Amino acid sequence: MNVPATHYHRASRIDRATQWLGALFALLAHSAAAATIAMSLASSDGAIEIDVTAELDADVETAWAVLTDYERYVEFIPGLRDSHVVARSGATVTVEQIGDITVGPLHRPLDVTFEITEMAPTLLVSRVVAGDLRALSSRYELTPVGNRVRVQYTGTLDFTSDAIERFAVRQNISSRFQALVDEIERRSTACRSQSSPGPLLHCSTSVRVLPPPLTSGGAR
């Protein structure tokens, strides 16, 4: 039985990308010494399923405050120049983010709009609805574990996108997850000590209320 060469080519591309992404997340786990991170990857039907879990020395409320602090993402997520709320309707938030990724010696600008559904205080579900990326849907889930919190990221990366776009998504996932983990633990430590010299932290045990959203015609 002859199998078309395109079948092997496609399978090889997915296998190489899976191996590359596995190595990337291994480096991510190694760098997050304060957290316990577990990762799994699976490829099927032209997509990569990504599952990353970190158990952090923080509580659910602090983790939720960081995940939903969209307009301060620029303070702790590398490569992100702007992150702002475009619209809000009930539990659905539209967030535009502008930044850069590095592809070898080149820098590629990214302008992406996410539609995020908030199910406070434990679940965020998002998908790309506009901009330079088309192939990512994901969710963050928070689970209390004693006096700690488990942060779980699951995402689906569709291989119908081009190679540069796939690289951009993979790099975005790794750097963002690491930055969020670090910021959650940093804020948790600062809240416990109540001595952070930085911007006002939301240390209340209640769910944080976001400021009024920017409109598409408002100030950036």
N, C-alpha and C. Protein backbone atom coordinates (compact mmCIF):
# COMPACT_ATOMS: atom_id res chain seq x y z
N MET A 1 0.85 -1.20 0.00
CA MET A 1 0.00 0.00 0.00
C MET A 1 0.88 1.24 0.00
N ASN A 2 0.65 2.14 -0.92
CA ASN A 2 1.43 3.37 -1.02
C ASN A 2 0.75 4.49 -0.24
N VAL A 3 1.52 5.12 0.64
CA VAL A 3 1.01 6.26 1.40
C VAL A 3 1.54 7.53 0.77
N PRO A 4 0.67 8.50 0.45
CA PRO A 4 1.11 9.72 -0.21
C PRO A 4 2.23 10.39 0.57
N ALA A 5 3.19 10.94 -0.19
CA ALA A 5 4.33 11.63 0.43
C ALA A 5 3.87 12.80 1.28
N THR A 6 2.77 13.45 0.88
CA THR A 6 2.28 14.59 1.64
C THR A 6 1.87 14.18 3.04
N HIS A 7 1.41 12.91 3.20
CA HIS A 7 1.03 12.42 4.52
C HIS A 7 2.25 12.37 5.43
N TYR A 8 3.38 11.81 4.89
CA TYR A 8 4.59 11.74 5.68
C TYR A 8 5.12 13.14 6.00
N HIS A 9 5.05 14.04 5.02
CA HIS A 9 5.55 15.38 5.21
C HIS A 9 4.79 16.08 6.33
N ARG A 10 3.47 15.95 6.30
CA ARG A 10 2.64 16.60 7.31
C ARG A 10 2.90 16.01 8.69
N ALA A 11 3.00 14.67 8.77
CA ALA A 11 3.27 14.03 10.06
C ALA A 11 4.63 14.44 10.59
N SER A 12 5.62 14.55 9.68
CA SER A 12 6.96 14.95 10.09
C SER A 12 6.95 16.36 10.65
N ARG A 13 6.22 17.27 10.02
CA ARG A 13 6.13 18.65 10.51
C ARG A 13 5.56 18.69 11.91
N ILE A 14 4.49 17.94 12.14
CA ILE A 14 3.86 17.94 13.45
C ILE A 14 4.78 17.34 14.49
N ASP A 15 5.47 16.23 14.13
CA ASP A 15 6.39 15.60 15.08
C ASP A 15 7.52 16.55 15.45
N ARG A 16 8.09 17.24 14.45
CA ARG A 16 9.19 18.16 14.74
C ARG A 16 8.71 19.30 15.63
N ALA A 17 7.53 19.82 15.34
CA ALA A 17 6.99 20.92 16.15
C ALA A 17 6.70 20.46 17.58
N THR A 18 6.19 19.24 17.72
CA THR A 18 5.91 18.70 19.05
C THR A 18 7.20 18.56 19.84
N GLN A 19 8.26 18.05 19.21
CA GLN A 19 9.54 17.89 19.89
C GLN A 19 10.11 19.25 20.29
N TRP A 20 10.00 20.22 19.38
CA TRP A 20 10.50 21.57 19.67
C TRP A 20 9.76 22.18 20.84
N LEU A 21 8.44 22.03 20.83
CA LEU A 21 7.64 22.60 21.89
C LEU A 21 7.92 21.91 23.22
N GLY A 22 8.16 20.59 23.18
CA GLY A 22 8.51 19.87 24.39
C GLY A 22 9.80 20.38 25.00
N ALA A 23 10.80 20.62 24.15
CA ALA A 23 12.07 21.16 24.64
C ALA A 23 11.89 22.56 25.22
N LEU A 24 11.05 23.36 24.58
CA LEU A 24 10.79 24.71 25.06
C LEU A 24 10.17 24.69 26.43
N PHE A 25 9.17 23.83 26.62
CA PHE A 25 8.51 23.76 27.92
C PHE A 25 9.41 23.13 28.97
N ALA A 26 10.35 22.27 28.56
CA ALA A 26 11.31 21.72 29.52
C ALA A 26 12.18 22.84 30.08
N LEU A 27 12.60 23.76 29.23
CA LEU A 27 13.36 24.92 29.69
C LEU A 27 12.50 25.78 30.59
N LEU A 28 11.23 25.92 30.26
CA LEU A 28 10.31 26.69 31.08
C LEU A 28 10.20 26.09 32.47
N ALA A 29 10.06 24.77 32.56
CA ALA A 29 9.95 24.11 33.86
C ALA A 29 11.22 24.30 34.67
N HIS A 30 12.37 24.19 34.00
CA HIS A 30 13.65 24.31 34.69
C HIS A 30 13.82 25.71 35.28
N SER A 31 13.32 26.72 34.60
CA SER A 31 13.51 28.09 35.06
C SER A 31 12.56 28.48 36.18
N ALA A 32 11.47 27.74 36.36
CA ALA A 32 10.49 28.08 37.38
C ALA A 32 10.75 27.27 38.64
N ALA A 33 11.84 27.59 39.33
CA ALA A 33 12.25 26.79 40.47
C ALA A 33 11.26 26.87 41.62
N ALA A 34 10.54 28.00 41.73
CA ALA A 34 9.62 28.17 42.85
C ALA A 34 8.32 27.41 42.66
N ALA A 35 8.03 26.98 41.47
CA ALA A 35 6.76 26.33 41.17
C ALA A 35 7.01 24.89 40.72
N THR A 36 5.98 24.07 40.92
CA THR A 36 6.01 22.70 40.41
C THR A 36 5.22 22.68 39.12
N ILE A 37 5.90 22.47 37.98
CA ILE A 37 5.26 22.56 36.67
C ILE A 37 5.27 21.20 36.00
N ALA A 38 4.10 20.81 35.49
CA ALA A 38 3.98 19.56 34.73
C ALA A 38 3.43 19.90 33.35
N MET A 39 3.94 19.22 32.31
CA MET A 39 3.56 19.53 30.94
C MET A 39 3.25 18.27 30.16
N SER A 40 2.29 18.37 29.26
CA SER A 40 2.03 17.26 28.34
C SER A 40 1.64 17.83 26.99
N LEU A 41 1.99 17.10 25.94
CA LEU A 41 1.71 17.49 24.56
C LEU A 41 1.12 16.31 23.82
N ALA A 42 0.20 16.58 22.95
CA ALA A 42 -0.35 15.53 22.09
C ALA A 42 -0.70 16.16 20.75
N SER A 43 -0.46 15.44 19.66
CA SER A 43 -0.79 15.94 18.33
C SER A 43 -1.77 15.00 17.65
N SER A 44 -2.78 15.59 17.02
CA SER A 44 -3.77 14.80 16.29
C SER A 44 -4.57 15.72 15.39
N ASP A 45 -4.98 15.17 14.25
CA ASP A 45 -5.85 15.91 13.32
C ASP A 45 -5.31 17.29 12.98
N GLY A 46 -3.98 17.38 12.78
CA GLY A 46 -3.41 18.65 12.35
C GLY A 46 -3.33 19.70 13.43
N ALA A 47 -3.39 19.32 14.70
CA ALA A 47 -3.32 20.29 15.79
C ALA A 47 -2.46 19.74 16.92
N ILE A 48 -1.94 20.64 17.74
CA ILE A 48 -1.20 20.25 18.94
C ILE A 48 -2.03 20.67 20.15
N GLU A 49 -2.25 19.73 21.04
CA GLU A 49 -2.95 19.99 22.29
C GLU A 49 -1.88 20.19 23.37
N ILE A 50 -1.95 21.31 24.06
CA ILE A 50 -0.95 21.69 25.06
C ILE A 50 -1.61 21.74 26.43
N ASP A 51 -0.97 21.13 27.42
CA ASP A 51 -1.47 21.16 28.79
C ASP A 51 -0.30 21.46 29.71
N VAL A 52 -0.39 22.57 30.43
CA VAL A 52 0.67 22.99 31.34
C VAL A 52 0.04 23.30 32.69
N THR A 53 0.60 22.73 33.76
CA THR A 53 0.07 22.93 35.10
C THR A 53 1.17 23.37 36.04
N ALA A 54 0.88 24.37 36.85
CA ALA A 54 1.82 24.84 37.86
C ALA A 54 1.10 24.92 39.20
N GLU A 55 1.74 24.40 40.24
CA GLU A 55 1.20 24.53 41.59
C GLU A 55 2.00 25.60 42.30
N LEU A 56 1.31 26.65 42.74
CA LEU A 56 1.98 27.85 43.21
C LEU A 56 1.71 28.13 44.68
N ASP A 57 2.64 28.84 45.28
CA ASP A 57 2.49 29.28 46.66
C ASP A 57 1.69 30.58 46.66
N ALA A 58 0.39 30.44 46.41
CA ALA A 58 -0.50 31.59 46.32
C ALA A 58 -1.92 31.09 46.51
N ASP A 59 -2.88 32.02 46.58
CA ASP A 59 -4.28 31.61 46.69
C ASP A 59 -5.02 31.89 45.39
N VAL A 60 -6.24 31.38 45.28
CA VAL A 60 -7.03 31.52 44.06
C VAL A 60 -7.29 32.98 43.74
N GLU A 61 -7.58 33.78 44.77
CA GLU A 61 -7.94 35.18 44.54
C GLU A 61 -6.77 35.97 43.93
N THR A 62 -5.56 35.71 44.44
CA THR A 62 -4.39 36.39 43.88
C THR A 62 -4.13 35.95 42.45
N ALA A 63 -4.25 34.65 42.20
CA ALA A 63 -4.05 34.14 40.84
C ALA A 63 -5.08 34.73 39.88
N TRP A 64 -6.33 34.81 40.32
CA TRP A 64 -7.38 35.38 39.48
C TRP A 64 -7.11 36.86 39.20
N ALA A 65 -6.67 37.58 40.23
CA ALA A 65 -6.38 39.00 40.06
C ALA A 65 -5.30 39.23 39.01
N VAL A 66 -4.28 38.37 39.00
CA VAL A 66 -3.21 38.51 38.01
C VAL A 66 -3.72 38.15 36.61
N LEU A 67 -4.42 37.04 36.49
CA LEU A 67 -4.89 36.59 35.17
C LEU A 67 -5.82 37.61 34.52
N THR A 68 -6.62 38.30 35.33
CA THR A 68 -7.59 39.25 34.77
C THR A 68 -7.11 40.70 34.80
N ASP A 69 -5.86 40.90 35.16
CA ASP A 69 -5.30 42.26 35.21
C ASP A 69 -4.74 42.62 33.84
N TYR A 70 -5.61 42.54 32.83
CA TYR A 70 -5.17 42.61 31.43
C TYR A 70 -4.36 43.87 31.12
N GLU A 71 -4.77 45.01 31.67
CA GLU A 71 -4.13 46.26 31.30
C GLU A 71 -2.78 46.47 31.99
N ARG A 72 -2.43 45.60 32.94
CA ARG A 72 -1.10 45.66 33.55
C ARG A 72 -0.21 44.52 33.07
N TYR A 73 -0.68 43.74 32.12
CA TYR A 73 0.16 42.67 31.57
C TYR A 73 1.49 43.21 31.05
N VAL A 74 1.48 44.44 30.54
CA VAL A 74 2.70 45.01 29.97
C VAL A 74 3.79 45.17 31.01
N GLU A 75 3.42 45.19 32.30
CA GLU A 75 4.40 45.36 33.36
C GLU A 75 5.21 44.10 33.63
N PHE A 76 4.67 42.93 33.23
CA PHE A 76 5.39 41.71 33.59
C PHE A 76 5.47 40.65 32.49
N ILE A 77 4.82 40.85 31.37
CA ILE A 77 4.92 39.89 30.27
C ILE A 77 5.91 40.42 29.23
N PRO A 78 6.99 39.70 28.98
CA PRO A 78 8.02 40.19 28.05
C PRO A 78 7.50 40.31 26.62
N GLY A 79 7.96 41.36 25.95
CA GLY A 79 7.61 41.55 24.55
C GLY A 79 6.26 42.18 24.31
N LEU A 80 5.50 42.45 25.38
CA LEU A 80 4.17 43.02 25.23
C LEU A 80 4.24 44.53 25.46
N ARG A 81 3.81 45.30 24.45
CA ARG A 81 3.87 46.76 24.54
C ARG A 81 2.56 47.40 24.95
N ASP A 82 1.46 46.75 24.64
CA ASP A 82 0.14 47.33 24.96
C ASP A 82 -0.84 46.20 25.19
N SER A 83 -1.67 46.35 26.21
CA SER A 83 -2.74 45.39 26.48
C SER A 83 -3.89 46.18 27.07
N HIS A 84 -5.00 46.21 26.38
CA HIS A 84 -6.11 47.02 26.87
C HIS A 84 -7.45 46.37 26.56
N VAL A 85 -8.41 46.66 27.41
CA VAL A 85 -9.77 46.15 27.25
C VAL A 85 -10.48 46.99 26.20
N VAL A 86 -10.96 46.35 25.17
CA VAL A 86 -11.68 47.03 24.09
C VAL A 86 -13.17 47.11 24.41
N ALA A 87 -13.72 46.04 24.97
CA ALA A 87 -15.15 46.01 25.27
C ALA A 87 -15.41 44.97 26.33
N ARG A 88 -16.52 45.16 27.02
CA ARG A 88 -16.96 44.19 28.02
C ARG A 88 -18.47 44.07 27.94
N SER A 89 -18.96 42.82 27.90
CA SER A 89 -20.39 42.55 27.89
C SER A 89 -20.65 41.37 28.81
N GLY A 90 -21.15 41.66 30.01
CA GLY A 90 -21.35 40.61 30.99
C GLY A 90 -20.03 39.98 31.37
N ALA A 91 -19.94 38.66 31.20
CA ALA A 91 -18.72 37.93 31.55
C ALA A 91 -17.73 37.85 30.39
N THR A 92 -18.05 38.46 29.26
CA THR A 92 -17.19 38.40 28.09
C THR A 92 -16.39 39.69 27.94
N VAL A 93 -15.08 39.53 27.84
CA VAL A 93 -14.17 40.67 27.71
C VAL A 93 -13.40 40.53 26.40
N THR A 94 -13.30 41.63 25.67
CA THR A 94 -12.48 41.66 24.47
C THR A 94 -11.22 42.45 24.77
N VAL A 95 -10.06 41.82 24.57
CA VAL A 95 -8.79 42.43 24.92
C VAL A 95 -7.87 42.43 23.71
N GLU A 96 -7.34 43.60 23.38
CA GLU A 96 -6.36 43.71 22.30
C GLU A 96 -4.97 43.80 22.91
N GLN A 97 -4.03 43.06 22.33
CA GLN A 97 -2.65 43.08 22.80
C GLN A 97 -1.71 43.28 21.62
N ILE A 98 -0.73 44.16 21.83
CA ILE A 98 0.25 44.49 20.80
C ILE A 98 1.64 44.25 21.37
N GLY A 99 2.46 43.54 20.61
CA GLY A 99 3.81 43.26 21.08
C GLY A 99 4.69 42.79 19.96
N ASP A 100 5.78 42.13 20.32
CA ASP A 100 6.75 41.63 19.34
C ASP A 100 7.17 40.21 19.73
N ILE A 101 7.54 39.44 18.73
CA ILE A 101 8.21 38.18 18.96
C ILE A 101 9.51 38.19 18.16
N THR A 102 10.44 37.35 18.59
CA THR A 102 11.72 37.24 17.89
C THR A 102 11.77 35.93 17.15
N VAL A 103 12.03 35.97 15.85
CA VAL A 103 12.19 34.78 15.04
C VAL A 103 13.61 34.81 14.50
N GLY A 104 14.53 34.13 15.19
CA GLY A 104 15.93 34.23 14.83
C GLY A 104 16.41 35.66 14.99
N PRO A 105 17.02 36.23 13.94
CA PRO A 105 17.51 37.61 14.03
C PRO A 105 16.40 38.63 13.76
N LEU A 106 15.23 38.18 13.43
CA LEU A 106 14.14 39.08 13.04
C LEU A 106 13.17 39.30 14.18
N HIS A 107 12.52 40.46 14.16
CA HIS A 107 11.46 40.78 15.12
C HIS A 107 10.17 40.94 14.34
N ARG A 108 9.14 40.26 14.80
CA ARG A 108 7.85 40.35 14.12
C ARG A 108 6.83 40.97 15.06
N PRO A 109 6.17 42.06 14.62
CA PRO A 109 5.13 42.66 15.46
C PRO A 109 3.88 41.78 15.47
N LEU A 110 3.19 41.78 16.58
CA LEU A 110 1.95 41.03 16.72
C LEU A 110 0.87 41.95 17.28
N ASP A 111 -0.29 41.92 16.65
CA ASP A 111 -1.45 42.64 17.14
C ASP A 111 -2.59 41.62 17.16
N VAL A 112 -3.03 41.23 18.35
CA VAL A 112 -3.98 40.14 18.50
C VAL A 112 -5.13 40.58 19.40
N THR A 113 -6.34 40.21 19.02
CA THR A 113 -7.51 40.48 19.85
C THR A 113 -8.11 39.17 20.33
N PHE A 114 -8.28 39.07 21.66
CA PHE A 114 -8.84 37.87 22.28
C PHE A 114 -10.26 38.15 22.77
N GLU A 115 -11.12 37.18 22.62
CA GLU A 115 -12.43 37.21 23.28
C GLU A 115 -12.33 36.25 24.46
N ILE A 116 -12.49 36.79 25.66
CA ILE A 116 -12.28 36.03 26.90
C ILE A 116 -13.58 35.95 27.68
N THR A 117 -13.93 34.75 28.08
CA THR A 117 -15.09 34.55 28.94
C THR A 117 -14.59 34.27 30.35
N GLU A 118 -15.00 35.12 31.30
CA GLU A 118 -14.58 35.00 32.69
C GLU A 118 -15.64 34.25 33.50
N MET A 119 -15.25 33.21 34.16
CA MET A 119 -16.11 32.50 35.10
C MET A 119 -15.45 32.56 36.47
N ALA A 120 -15.62 33.73 37.11
CA ALA A 120 -14.90 34.03 38.36
C ALA A 120 -15.29 33.05 39.47
N PRO A 121 -14.29 32.72 40.32
CA PRO A 121 -12.89 33.13 40.21
C PRO A 121 -11.98 31.99 39.78
N THR A 122 -12.46 31.08 38.94
CA THR A 122 -11.64 29.90 38.67
C THR A 122 -11.40 29.57 37.20
N LEU A 123 -12.07 30.23 36.25
CA LEU A 123 -11.93 29.79 34.86
C LEU A 123 -11.96 30.95 33.89
N LEU A 124 -10.99 30.96 32.97
CA LEU A 124 -10.96 31.88 31.82
C LEU A 124 -10.90 31.05 30.55
N VAL A 125 -11.78 31.35 29.60
CA VAL A 125 -11.77 30.67 28.31
C VAL A 125 -11.59 31.74 27.24
N SER A 126 -10.61 31.55 26.35
CA SER A 126 -10.33 32.59 25.36
C SER A 126 -10.13 32.00 23.97
N ARG A 127 -10.33 32.87 22.97
CA ARG A 127 -10.05 32.51 21.59
C ARG A 127 -9.64 33.78 20.86
N VAL A 128 -8.81 33.60 19.85
CA VAL A 128 -8.40 34.73 19.02
C VAL A 128 -9.53 35.08 18.06
N VAL A 129 -9.90 36.35 18.00
CA VAL A 129 -10.99 36.78 17.12
C VAL A 129 -10.54 37.77 16.06
N ALA A 130 -9.34 38.31 16.19
CA ALA A 130 -8.85 39.27 15.19
C ALA A 130 -7.34 39.43 15.35
N GLY A 131 -6.72 39.92 14.29
CA GLY A 131 -5.30 40.24 14.36
C GLY A 131 -4.43 39.25 13.62
N ASP A 132 -3.18 39.14 14.07
CA ASP A 132 -2.16 38.40 13.35
C ASP A 132 -2.16 36.90 13.61
N LEU A 133 -2.87 36.44 14.62
CA LEU A 133 -2.96 35.01 14.91
C LEU A 133 -4.39 34.54 14.68
N ARG A 134 -4.52 33.30 14.18
CA ARG A 134 -5.86 32.80 13.89
C ARG A 134 -6.11 31.44 14.51
N ALA A 135 -5.08 30.85 15.11
CA ALA A 135 -5.15 29.40 15.32
C ALA A 135 -5.04 28.97 16.77
N LEU A 136 -5.45 29.80 17.72
CA LEU A 136 -5.27 29.45 19.11
C LEU A 136 -6.56 29.64 19.90
N SER A 137 -6.96 28.60 20.61
CA SER A 137 -8.01 28.70 21.62
C SER A 137 -7.45 28.11 22.90
N SER A 138 -7.84 28.65 24.05
CA SER A 138 -7.19 28.21 25.28
C SER A 138 -8.08 28.48 26.49
N ARG A 139 -7.62 27.96 27.64
CA ARG A 139 -8.32 28.21 28.90
C ARG A 139 -7.32 28.13 30.05
N TYR A 140 -7.59 28.94 31.07
CA TYR A 140 -6.87 28.88 32.33
C TYR A 140 -7.86 28.45 33.41
N GLU A 141 -7.48 27.46 34.21
CA GLU A 141 -8.34 26.99 35.29
C GLU A 141 -7.56 27.03 36.60
N LEU A 142 -8.20 27.54 37.65
CA LEU A 142 -7.58 27.66 38.97
C LEU A 142 -8.26 26.70 39.93
N THR A 143 -7.44 25.94 40.67
CA THR A 143 -7.97 24.98 41.63
C THR A 143 -7.23 25.12 42.95
N PRO A 144 -7.96 25.35 44.07
CA PRO A 144 -7.28 25.40 45.37
C PRO A 144 -6.70 24.03 45.73
N VAL A 145 -5.48 24.04 46.26
CA VAL A 145 -4.83 22.81 46.73
C VAL A 145 -4.26 23.13 48.11
N GLY A 146 -5.05 22.89 49.15
CA GLY A 146 -4.65 23.31 50.49
C GLY A 146 -4.55 24.82 50.54
N ASN A 147 -3.37 25.33 50.94
CA ASN A 147 -3.17 26.78 50.97
C ASN A 147 -2.42 27.25 49.72
N ARG A 148 -2.41 26.44 48.69
CA ARG A 148 -1.78 26.77 47.41
C ARG A 148 -2.84 26.79 46.32
N VAL A 149 -2.40 27.07 45.09
CA VAL A 149 -3.32 27.07 43.96
C VAL A 149 -2.67 26.37 42.77
N ARG A 150 -3.47 25.58 42.07
CA ARG A 150 -3.00 24.96 40.84
C ARG A 150 -3.51 25.79 39.66
N VAL A 151 -2.58 26.21 38.81
CA VAL A 151 -2.93 26.95 37.60
C VAL A 151 -2.74 26.00 36.42
N GLN A 152 -3.81 25.76 35.67
CA GLN A 152 -3.72 24.86 34.53
C GLN A 152 -4.05 25.61 33.25
N TYR A 153 -3.14 25.52 32.30
CA TYR A 153 -3.36 26.08 30.97
C TYR A 153 -3.56 24.95 29.98
N THR A 154 -4.62 25.01 29.19
CA THR A 154 -4.80 24.08 28.08
C THR A 154 -5.07 24.89 26.83
N GLY A 155 -4.43 24.48 25.74
CA GLY A 155 -4.58 25.22 24.49
C GLY A 155 -4.55 24.30 23.30
N THR A 156 -5.18 24.74 22.23
CA THR A 156 -5.17 24.01 20.97
C THR A 156 -4.55 24.89 19.90
N LEU A 157 -3.46 24.40 19.32
CA LEU A 157 -2.72 25.12 18.28
C LEU A 157 -2.99 24.42 16.95
N ASP A 158 -3.70 25.10 16.05
CA ASP A 158 -4.12 24.53 14.79
C ASP A 158 -3.01 24.64 13.75
N PHE A 159 -2.72 23.53 13.06
CA PHE A 159 -1.63 23.53 12.08
C PHE A 159 -2.05 24.01 10.70
N THR A 160 -3.24 24.61 10.59
CA THR A 160 -3.58 25.23 9.32
C THR A 160 -2.90 26.59 9.17
N SER A 161 -2.34 27.11 10.26
CA SER A 161 -1.64 28.39 10.20
C SER A 161 -0.24 28.19 9.62
N ASP A 162 0.41 29.32 9.24
CA ASP A 162 1.73 29.19 8.64
C ASP A 162 2.79 28.97 9.72
N ALA A 163 4.02 28.63 9.28
CA ALA A 163 5.08 28.23 10.21
C ALA A 163 5.46 29.36 11.16
N ILE A 164 5.54 30.59 10.66
CA ILE A 164 5.91 31.72 11.51
C ILE A 164 4.83 31.95 12.56
N GLU A 165 3.57 31.83 12.13
CA GLU A 165 2.48 32.01 13.08
C GLU A 165 2.52 30.95 14.17
N ARG A 166 2.81 29.71 13.80
CA ARG A 166 2.88 28.64 14.80
C ARG A 166 4.00 28.93 15.79
N PHE A 167 5.15 29.39 15.27
CA PHE A 167 6.26 29.74 16.15
C PHE A 167 5.85 30.86 17.10
N ALA A 168 5.14 31.86 16.57
CA ALA A 168 4.71 32.99 17.38
C ALA A 168 3.81 32.53 18.53
N VAL A 169 2.87 31.64 18.22
CA VAL A 169 1.95 31.14 19.25
C VAL A 169 2.71 30.36 20.31
N ARG A 170 3.61 29.48 19.88
CA ARG A 170 4.36 28.67 20.84
C ARG A 170 5.19 29.55 21.76
N GLN A 171 5.87 30.54 21.17
CA GLN A 171 6.70 31.42 21.98
C GLN A 171 5.83 32.24 22.93
N ASN A 172 4.69 32.70 22.46
CA ASN A 172 3.78 33.48 23.28
C ASN A 172 3.29 32.66 24.48
N ILE A 173 2.94 31.40 24.24
CA ILE A 173 2.45 30.54 25.31
C ILE A 173 3.51 30.35 26.38
N SER A 174 4.74 30.02 25.97
CA SER A 174 5.79 29.73 26.94
C SER A 174 6.15 30.95 27.78
N SER A 175 6.37 32.09 27.13
CA SER A 175 6.79 33.28 27.86
C SER A 175 5.67 33.81 28.73
N ARG A 176 4.43 33.74 28.23
CA ARG A 176 3.30 34.24 29.01
C ARG A 176 3.04 33.39 30.25
N PHE A 177 3.09 32.07 30.08
CA PHE A 177 2.84 31.21 31.24
C PHE A 177 3.89 31.44 32.31
N GLN A 178 5.16 31.50 31.90
CA GLN A 178 6.23 31.76 32.87
C GLN A 178 6.03 33.10 33.57
N ALA A 179 5.69 34.13 32.80
CA ALA A 179 5.52 35.46 33.39
C ALA A 179 4.34 35.50 34.35
N LEU A 180 3.24 34.84 34.00
CA LEU A 180 2.07 34.81 34.88
C LEU A 180 2.38 34.07 36.17
N VAL A 181 3.07 32.92 36.06
CA VAL A 181 3.46 32.16 37.25
C VAL A 181 4.32 33.03 38.17
N ASP A 182 5.31 33.70 37.60
CA ASP A 182 6.20 34.54 38.41
C ASP A 182 5.44 35.68 39.07
N GLU A 183 4.53 36.31 38.33
CA GLU A 183 3.79 37.46 38.86
C GLU A 183 2.81 37.03 39.95
N ILE A 184 2.16 35.89 39.78
CA ILE A 184 1.24 35.39 40.82
C ILE A 184 2.00 35.18 42.12
N GLU A 185 3.16 34.52 42.06
CA GLU A 185 3.92 34.27 43.28
C GLU A 185 4.51 35.56 43.85
N ARG A 186 4.91 36.48 42.97
CA ARG A 186 5.45 37.76 43.46
C ARG A 186 4.38 38.53 44.21
N ARG A 187 3.18 38.62 43.62
CA ARG A 187 2.11 39.37 44.28
C ARG A 187 1.67 38.69 45.57
N SER A 188 1.65 37.37 45.56
CA SER A 188 1.26 36.65 46.76
C SER A 188 2.22 36.95 47.91
N THR A 189 3.52 36.93 47.61
CA THR A 189 4.53 37.24 48.62
C THR A 189 4.39 38.67 49.10
N ALA A 190 4.17 39.61 48.16
CA ALA A 190 4.04 41.02 48.52
C ALA A 190 2.79 41.26 49.36
N CYS A 191 1.70 40.56 49.04
CA CYS A 191 0.47 40.74 49.80
C CYS A 191 0.63 40.22 51.23
N ARG A 192 1.34 39.11 51.36
CA ARG A 192 1.54 38.56 52.70
C ARG A 192 2.40 39.48 53.56
N SER A 193 3.40 40.10 52.92
CA SER A 193 4.29 40.98 53.68
C SER A 193 3.73 42.39 53.81
N GLN A 194 2.80 42.77 52.89
CA GLN A 194 2.21 44.11 52.85
C GLN A 194 3.28 45.19 52.79
N SER A 195 4.37 44.89 52.06
CA SER A 195 5.47 45.86 52.02
C SER A 195 5.97 46.12 50.62
N SER A 196 5.12 45.82 49.60
CA SER A 196 5.58 46.03 48.23
C SER A 196 5.67 47.51 47.91
N PRO A 197 6.81 48.00 47.36
CA PRO A 197 6.94 49.40 47.00
C PRO A 197 6.31 49.72 45.65
N GLY A 198 5.83 48.72 44.93
CA GLY A 198 5.30 48.93 43.59
C GLY A 198 3.88 49.44 43.60
N PRO A 199 3.19 49.35 42.44
CA PRO A 199 1.81 49.81 42.35
C PRO A 199 0.91 49.06 43.31
N LEU A 200 -0.24 49.66 43.62
CA LEU A 200 -1.19 49.08 44.55
C LEU A 200 -1.56 47.66 44.13
N LEU A 201 -1.46 46.72 45.09
CA LEU A 201 -1.81 45.34 44.83
C LEU A 201 -3.19 45.06 45.36
N HIS A 202 -3.90 44.14 44.71
CA HIS A 202 -5.23 43.74 45.14
C HIS A 202 -5.08 42.50 46.02
N CYS A 203 -5.04 42.72 47.35
CA CYS A 203 -4.77 41.63 48.28
C CYS A 203 -6.04 41.16 48.99
N SER A 204 -7.17 41.68 48.59
CA SER A 204 -8.42 41.28 49.23
C SER A 204 -8.74 39.83 48.90
N THR A 205 -9.46 39.18 49.80
CA THR A 205 -9.88 37.80 49.54
C THR A 205 -11.10 37.75 48.65
N SER A 206 -11.66 38.90 48.29
CA SER A 206 -12.80 38.93 47.38
C SER A 206 -12.32 39.06 45.95
N VAL A 207 -13.20 38.76 45.01
CA VAL A 207 -12.85 38.86 43.60
C VAL A 207 -12.75 40.33 43.22
N ARG A 208 -11.69 40.69 42.53
CA ARG A 208 -11.44 42.07 42.15
C ARG A 208 -12.42 42.55 41.09
N VAL A 209 -12.86 43.80 41.25
CA VAL A 209 -13.72 44.43 40.26
C VAL A 209 -12.84 45.24 39.32
N LEU A 210 -12.90 44.96 38.01
CA LEU A 210 -12.07 45.66 37.04
C LEU A 210 -12.57 47.08 36.83
N PRO A 211 -11.66 48.01 36.45
CA PRO A 211 -12.08 49.36 36.13
C PRO A 211 -12.92 49.37 34.86
N PRO A 212 -13.65 50.47 34.60
CA PRO A 212 -14.47 50.53 33.40
C PRO A 212 -13.63 50.28 32.16
N PRO A 213 -14.15 49.52 31.19
CA PRO A 213 -13.36 49.18 30.00
C PRO A 213 -13.18 50.36 29.07
N LEU A 214 -12.09 50.33 28.30
CA LEU A 214 -11.91 51.30 27.23
C LEU A 214 -12.80 50.93 26.06
N THR A 215 -13.31 51.91 25.37
CA THR A 215 -14.04 51.64 24.14
C THR A 215 -13.06 51.67 22.98
N SER A 216 -13.52 51.19 21.84
CA SER A 216 -12.62 51.11 20.69
C SER A 216 -12.20 52.49 20.22
N GLY A 217 -12.95 53.51 20.62
CA GLY A 217 -12.56 54.87 20.20
C GLY A 217 -11.93 55.67 21.32
N GLY A 218 -11.70 55.01 22.49
CA GLY A 218 -11.17 55.72 23.64
C GLY A 218 -9.68 55.87 23.58
N ALA A 219 -9.17 56.48 24.64
CA ALA A 219 -7.72 56.70 24.71
C ALA A 219 -7.03 55.37 24.92
N ARG A 220 -5.85 55.21 24.34
CA ARG A 220 -5.06 54.00 24.45
C ARG A 220 -4.05 54.16 25.55
